[in-house]
Amino acid sequence: MVHVVAAIIAVGWAVFWIGWLLAAAGTKRGRINWGRAAGIRVVLAFVIVVLVRAKAFKGQGITDDPALEGIGLALFVSGLALAVWARVHLGRNWGSPMSEKVDPELVTTGPYGTIRHPIYSGIILAMVGTAVAVNWYWLIAVGLAATYFVYSASMEERYLVKRLPDSYPAYKRSTRMLVPFVF
């Protein structure tokens, strides 16, 4: 039997990613340095293929605890809402991970007033919600995504410190990378 919360989350992820890809059309021109992160992307792809082939995400769900499903769904919705809010707030300044915009602008308002990378934070939170509501094996995906996002954020920050030396270091000192008031 298909569980309602799992179905809602699956549809939510599908709508989110389709919308995300469509929204990429209106962004500023930039350059993605694919070689810089090729190693980490290959490792992540390999691990994902192994996990999918091993059916790690099937048949291990949390199915009979409505409280956990509710908490997980709330975390999922909150995470996607944060990611979408941050993406909309960035407008044309948004780019794929580790992209280098031709004319970068520092956005420090909205969710960026507290977190330097709220899109990454939101996606991680939504994945944690998926793990809580649907399947604890999603925590493997959370760990992989978090590793990738911390690496991406670090690379992006190095670029921004070079491109915006008068404003980015101060902004970096006044905010946290992914978790408000913590990290």
C-alpha atoms as a PDB file:
ATOM      1  CA  MET A   1       0.000   0.000   0.000  1.00  0.00           C
ATOM      2  CA  VAL A   2       1.294   3.431  -0.937  1.00  0.00           C
ATOM      3  CA  HIS A   3       1.421   5.789   2.025  1.00  0.00           C
ATOM      4  CA  VAL A   4      -0.103   9.218   1.635  1.00  0.00           C
ATOM      5  CA  VAL A   5       2.791  11.135   3.216  1.00  0.00           C
ATOM      6  CA  ALA A   6       5.360   9.313   1.088  1.00  0.00           C
ATOM      7  CA  ALA A   7       3.319  10.102  -2.026  1.00  0.00           C
ATOM      8  CA  ILE A   8       2.980  13.773  -1.057  1.00  0.00           C
ATOM      9  CA  ILE A   9       6.729  14.006  -0.505  1.00  0.00           C
ATOM     10  CA  ALA A  10       7.512  12.244  -3.808  1.00  0.00           C
ATOM     11  CA  VAL A  11       5.237  14.621  -5.715  1.00  0.00           C
ATOM     12  CA  GLY A  12       6.677  17.559  -3.764  1.00  0.00           C
ATOM     13  CA  TRP A  13      10.228  16.653  -4.780  1.00  0.00           C
ATOM     14  CA  ALA A  14       9.196  16.186  -8.427  1.00  0.00           C
ATOM     15  CA  VAL A  15       7.421  19.559  -8.589  1.00  0.00           C
ATOM     16  CA  PHE A  16      10.314  21.251  -6.780  1.00  0.00           C
ATOM     17  CA  TRP A  17      13.002  19.954  -9.165  1.00  0.00           C
ATOM     18  CA  ILE A  18      10.975  20.588 -12.320  1.00  0.00           C
ATOM     19  CA  GLY A  19      10.271  24.147 -11.163  1.00  0.00           C
ATOM     20  CA  TRP A  20      13.909  24.575 -10.189  1.00  0.00           C
ATOM     21  CA  LEU A  21      15.129  23.590 -13.646  1.00  0.00           C
ATOM     22  CA  LEU A  22      12.587  25.832 -15.383  1.00  0.00           C
ATOM     23  CA  ALA A  23      13.564  28.798 -13.198  1.00  0.00           C
ATOM     24  CA  ALA A  24      17.199  28.467 -14.258  1.00  0.00           C
ATOM     25  CA  ALA A  25      16.360  29.947 -17.667  1.00  0.00           C
ATOM     26  CA  GLY A  26      16.136  33.533 -16.395  1.00  0.00           C
ATOM     27  CA  THR A  27      19.443  33.829 -14.565  1.00  0.00           C
ATOM     28  CA  LYS A  28      22.513  35.944 -15.261  1.00  0.00           C
ATOM     29  CA  ARG A  29      25.190  34.545 -17.463  1.00  0.00           C
ATOM     30  CA  GLY A  30      27.959  32.742 -15.689  1.00  0.00           C
ATOM     31  CA  ARG A  31      30.496  29.985 -15.886  1.00  0.00           C
ATOM     32  CA  ILE A  32      30.409  26.613 -14.191  1.00  0.00           C
ATOM     33  CA  ASN A  33      33.801  25.140 -13.419  1.00  0.00           C
ATOM     34  CA  TRP A  34      32.882  21.455 -13.811  1.00  0.00           C
ATOM     35  CA  GLY A  35      36.455  20.242 -13.393  1.00  0.00           C
ATOM     36  CA  ARG A  36      36.835  21.797  -9.950  1.00  0.00           C
ATOM     37  CA  ALA A  37      34.347  19.414  -8.382  1.00  0.00           C
ATOM     38  CA  ALA A  38      34.504  16.504 -10.798  1.00  0.00           C
ATOM     39  CA  GLY A  39      35.950  14.123  -8.210  1.00  0.00           C
ATOM     40  CA  ILE A  40      33.288  14.742  -5.587  1.00  0.00           C
ATOM     41  CA  ARG A  41      30.523  14.529  -8.207  1.00  0.00           C
ATOM     42  CA  VAL A  42      31.818  11.197  -9.502  1.00  0.00           C
ATOM     43  CA  VAL A  43      32.009   9.769  -5.961  1.00  0.00           C
ATOM     44  CA  LEU A  44      28.492  10.998  -5.156  1.00  0.00           C
ATOM     45  CA  ALA A  45      27.103   9.553  -8.387  1.00  0.00           C
ATOM     46  CA  PHE A  46      28.806   6.222  -7.698  1.00  0.00           C
ATOM     47  CA  VAL A  47      27.436   6.015  -4.151  1.00  0.00           C
ATOM     48  CA  ILE A  48      23.940   6.924  -5.335  1.00  0.00           C
ATOM     49  CA  VAL A  49      24.023   4.254  -8.059  1.00  0.00           C
ATOM     50  CA  VAL A  50      25.204   1.638  -5.555  1.00  0.00           C
ATOM     51  CA  LEU A  51      22.482   2.592  -3.066  1.00  0.00           C
ATOM     52  CA  VAL A  52      19.745   2.534  -5.705  1.00  0.00           C
ATOM     53  CA  ARG A  53      20.947  -0.800  -7.109  1.00  0.00           C
ATOM     54  CA  ALA A  54      20.985  -2.216  -3.573  1.00  0.00           C
ATOM     55  CA  LYS A  55      17.395  -0.951  -3.133  1.00  0.00           C
ATOM     56  CA  ALA A  56      18.456   0.830   0.025  1.00  0.00           C
ATOM     57  CA  PHE A  57      15.533   3.227  -0.190  1.00  0.00           C
ATOM     58  CA  LYS A  58      12.784   0.627  -0.647  1.00  0.00           C
ATOM     59  CA  GLY A  59      10.988  -1.395   1.946  1.00  0.00           C
ATOM     60  CA  GLN A  60      12.610   0.230   4.979  1.00  0.00           C
ATOM     61  CA  GLY A  61      10.046   2.962   5.554  1.00  0.00           C
ATOM     62  CA  ILE A  62       8.589   4.342   8.732  1.00  0.00           C
ATOM     63  CA  THR A  63       5.011   3.553   7.957  1.00  0.00           C
ATOM     64  CA  ASP A  64       2.908   3.334  11.076  1.00  0.00           C
ATOM     65  CA  ASP A  65       3.873   6.367  13.141  1.00  0.00           C
ATOM     66  CA  PRO A  66       1.652   9.317  12.257  1.00  0.00           C
ATOM     67  CA  ALA A  67       3.597  11.619  14.589  1.00  0.00           C
ATOM     68  CA  LEU A  68       6.885  10.988  12.774  1.00  0.00           C
ATOM     69  CA  GLU A  69       5.160  11.294   9.416  1.00  0.00           C
ATOM     70  CA  GLY A  70       3.693  14.644  10.483  1.00  0.00           C
ATOM     71  CA  ILE A  71       7.011  15.940  11.832  1.00  0.00           C
ATOM     72  CA  GLY A  72       8.808  14.756   8.706  1.00  0.00           C
ATOM     73  CA  LEU A  73       6.235  16.351   6.419  1.00  0.00           C
ATOM     74  CA  ALA A  74       6.517  19.639   8.335  1.00  0.00           C
ATOM     75  CA  LEU A  75      10.330  19.572   8.016  1.00  0.00           C
ATOM     76  CA  PHE A  76      10.037  18.706   4.319  1.00  0.00           C
ATOM     77  CA  VAL A  77       7.639  21.569   3.584  1.00  0.00           C
ATOM     78  CA  SER A  78       9.693  24.012   5.703  1.00  0.00           C
ATOM     79  CA  GLY A  79      12.888  23.042   3.914  1.00  0.00           C
ATOM     80  CA  LEU A  80      11.459  23.418   0.437  1.00  0.00           C
ATOM     81  CA  ALA A  81       9.825  26.703   1.442  1.00  0.00           C
ATOM     82  CA  LEU A  82      13.189  28.043   2.637  1.00  0.00           C
ATOM     83  CA  ALA A  83      14.937  26.942  -0.565  1.00  0.00           C
ATOM     84  CA  VAL A  84      12.251  28.478  -2.782  1.00  0.00           C
ATOM     85  CA  TRP A  85      12.154  31.721  -0.748  1.00  0.00           C
ATOM     86  CA  ALA A  86      15.936  32.022  -1.032  1.00  0.00           C
ATOM     87  CA  ARG A  87      15.866  31.239  -4.758  1.00  0.00           C
ATOM     88  CA  VAL A  88      13.148  33.830  -5.429  1.00  0.00           C
ATOM     89  CA  HIS A  89      14.988  36.365  -3.260  1.00  0.00           C
ATOM     90  CA  LEU A  90      18.183  35.879  -5.281  1.00  0.00           C
ATOM     91  CA  GLY A  91      16.366  36.445  -8.561  1.00  0.00           C
ATOM     92  CA  ARG A  92      18.698  36.522 -11.541  1.00  0.00           C
ATOM     93  CA  ASN A  93      21.765  36.172  -9.274  1.00  0.00           C
ATOM     94  CA  TRP A  94      21.040  32.476  -8.705  1.00  0.00           C
ATOM     95  CA  GLY A  95      23.276  29.863 -10.305  1.00  0.00           C
ATOM     96  CA  SER A  96      24.055  26.199 -10.032  1.00  0.00           C
ATOM     97  CA  PRO A  97      26.495  25.130  -7.302  1.00  0.00           C
ATOM     98  CA  MET A  98      29.957  26.617  -7.721  1.00  0.00           C
ATOM     99  CA  SER A  99      29.005  28.737 -10.726  1.00  0.00           C
ATOM    100  CA  GLU A 100      30.825  32.015 -11.243  1.00  0.00           C
ATOM    101  CA  LYS A 101      28.580  34.886 -12.331  1.00  0.00           C
ATOM    102  CA  VAL A 102      29.899  37.506 -14.722  1.00  0.00           C
ATOM    103  CA  ASP A 103      28.700  40.353 -12.493  1.00  0.00           C
ATOM    104  CA  PRO A 104      28.037  38.897  -9.007  1.00  0.00           C
ATOM    105  CA  GLU A 105      25.949  40.873  -6.534  1.00  0.00           C
ATOM    106  CA  LEU A 106      25.997  40.291  -2.793  1.00  0.00           C
ATOM    107  CA  VAL A 107      22.478  39.636  -1.488  1.00  0.00           C
ATOM    108  CA  THR A 108      22.245  40.098   2.286  1.00  0.00           C
ATOM    109  CA  THR A 109      18.510  40.477   2.837  1.00  0.00           C
ATOM    110  CA  GLY A 110      15.687  37.984   3.320  1.00  0.00           C
ATOM    111  CA  PRO A 111      16.999  34.553   4.286  1.00  0.00           C
ATOM    112  CA  TYR A 112      20.507  35.735   3.386  1.00  0.00           C
ATOM    113  CA  GLY A 113      20.451  38.062   6.382  1.00  0.00           C
ATOM    114  CA  THR A 114      21.056  35.062   8.668  1.00  0.00           C
ATOM    115  CA  ILE A 115      22.352  32.225   6.460  1.00  0.00           C
ATOM    116  CA  ARG A 116      24.844  32.571   3.614  1.00  0.00           C
ATOM    117  CA  HIS A 117      23.542  29.487   1.771  1.00  0.00           C
ATOM    118  CA  PRO A 118      19.835  29.105   2.597  1.00  0.00           C
ATOM    119  CA  ILE A 119      19.076  27.145  -0.573  1.00  0.00           C
ATOM    120  CA  TYR A 120      21.449  24.417   0.534  1.00  0.00           C
ATOM    121  CA  SER A 121      20.036  24.609   4.063  1.00  0.00           C
ATOM    122  CA  GLY A 122      16.486  24.255   2.783  1.00  0.00           C
ATOM    123  CA  ILE A 123      17.256  21.257   0.596  1.00  0.00           C
ATOM    124  CA  ILE A 124      19.068  19.526   3.467  1.00  0.00           C
ATOM    125  CA  LEU A 125      16.143  20.235   5.818  1.00  0.00           C
ATOM    126  CA  ALA A 126      13.678  18.854   3.260  1.00  0.00           C
ATOM    127  CA  MET A 127      15.810  15.715   2.933  1.00  0.00           C
ATOM    128  CA  VAL A 128      15.868  15.298   6.728  1.00  0.00           C
ATOM    129  CA  GLY A 129      12.082  15.611   6.665  1.00  0.00           C
ATOM    130  CA  THR A 130      11.926  12.909   4.005  1.00  0.00           C
ATOM    131  CA  ALA A 131      14.075  10.641   6.185  1.00  0.00           C
ATOM    132  CA  VAL A 132      11.886  11.185   9.237  1.00  0.00           C
ATOM    133  CA  ALA A 133       8.592  10.707   7.386  1.00  0.00           C
ATOM    134  CA  VAL A 134       9.420   8.042   4.827  1.00  0.00           C
ATOM    135  CA  ASN A 135      12.636   6.123   5.271  1.00  0.00           C
ATOM    136  CA  TRP A 136      15.606   6.453   7.626  1.00  0.00           C
ATOM    137  CA  TYR A 137      17.941   5.410   4.808  1.00  0.00           C
ATOM    138  CA  TRP A 138      17.418   8.901   3.405  1.00  0.00           C
ATOM    139  CA  LEU A 139      19.888   9.996   6.082  1.00  0.00           C
ATOM    140  CA  ILE A 140      22.595   8.531   3.815  1.00  0.00           C
ATOM    141  CA  ALA A 141      21.440  10.922   1.101  1.00  0.00           C
ATOM    142  CA  VAL A 142      21.353  13.759   3.652  1.00  0.00           C
ATOM    143  CA  GLY A 143      24.970  13.076   4.576  1.00  0.00           C
ATOM    144  CA  LEU A 144      26.050  12.975   0.941  1.00  0.00           C
ATOM    145  CA  ALA A 145      24.147  16.150   0.070  1.00  0.00           C
ATOM    146  CA  ALA A 146      25.428  17.975   3.140  1.00  0.00           C
ATOM    147  CA  THR A 147      29.006  17.038   2.255  1.00  0.00           C
ATOM    148  CA  TYR A 148      28.525  18.258  -1.300  1.00  0.00           C
ATOM    149  CA  PHE A 149      26.816  21.484  -0.195  1.00  0.00           C
ATOM    150  CA  VAL A 150      29.495  22.348   2.385  1.00  0.00           C
ATOM    151  CA  TYR A 151      32.153  21.775  -0.279  1.00  0.00           C
ATOM    152  CA  SER A 152      30.192  23.839  -2.829  1.00  0.00           C
ATOM    153  CA  ALA A 153      29.584  26.636  -0.329  1.00  0.00           C
ATOM    154  CA  SER A 154      33.289  26.733   0.547  1.00  0.00           C
ATOM    155  CA  MET A 155      34.259  26.992  -3.136  1.00  0.00           C
ATOM    156  CA  GLU A 156      31.646  29.685  -3.765  1.00  0.00           C
ATOM    157  CA  GLU A 157      32.854  31.661  -0.774  1.00  0.00           C
ATOM    158  CA  ARG A 158      36.467  31.596  -1.967  1.00  0.00           C
ATOM    159  CA  TYR A 159      35.295  32.998  -5.296  1.00  0.00           C
ATOM    160  CA  LEU A 160      33.158  35.686  -3.633  1.00  0.00           C
ATOM    161  CA  VAL A 161      35.955  36.797  -1.295  1.00  0.00           C
ATOM    162  CA  LYS A 162      38.105  37.386  -4.393  1.00  0.00           C
ATOM    163  CA  ARG A 163      35.359  39.085  -6.413  1.00  0.00           C
ATOM    164  CA  LEU A 164      33.857  41.142  -3.556  1.00  0.00           C
ATOM    165  CA  PRO A 165      36.788  41.816  -1.181  1.00  0.00           C
ATOM    166  CA  ASP A 166      35.218  44.963   0.277  1.00  0.00           C
ATOM    167  CA  SER A 167      31.889  43.427   1.285  1.00  0.00           C
ATOM    168  CA  TYR A 168      31.970  39.624   1.405  1.00  0.00           C
ATOM    169  CA  PRO A 169      34.395  39.105   4.333  1.00  0.00           C
ATOM    170  CA  ALA A 170      32.266  41.300   6.614  1.00  0.00           C
ATOM    171  CA  TYR A 171      29.092  39.536   5.488  1.00  0.00           C
ATOM    172  CA  LYS A 172      30.747  36.184   6.133  1.00  0.00           C
ATOM    173  CA  ARG A 173      31.640  37.223   9.691  1.00  0.00           C
ATOM    174  CA  SER A 174      28.077  38.378  10.422  1.00  0.00           C
ATOM    175  CA  THR A 175      26.245  35.236   9.217  1.00  0.00           C
ATOM    176  CA  ARG A 176      26.477  31.448   9.404  1.00  0.00           C
ATOM    177  CA  MET A 177      27.057  29.138   6.456  1.00  0.00           C
ATOM    178  CA  LEU A 178      24.075  26.774   6.764  1.00  0.00           C
ATOM    179  CA  VAL A 179      22.455  26.808  10.220  1.00  0.00           C
ATOM    180  CA  PRO A 180      21.491  30.120  11.845  1.00  0.00           C
ATOM    181  CA  PHE A 181      23.525  30.924  14.969  1.00  0.00           C
ATOM    182  CA  VAL A 182      25.349  27.540  14.767  1.00  0.00           C
ATOM    183  CA  PHE A 183      27.219  26.694  11.522  1.00  0.00           C
END
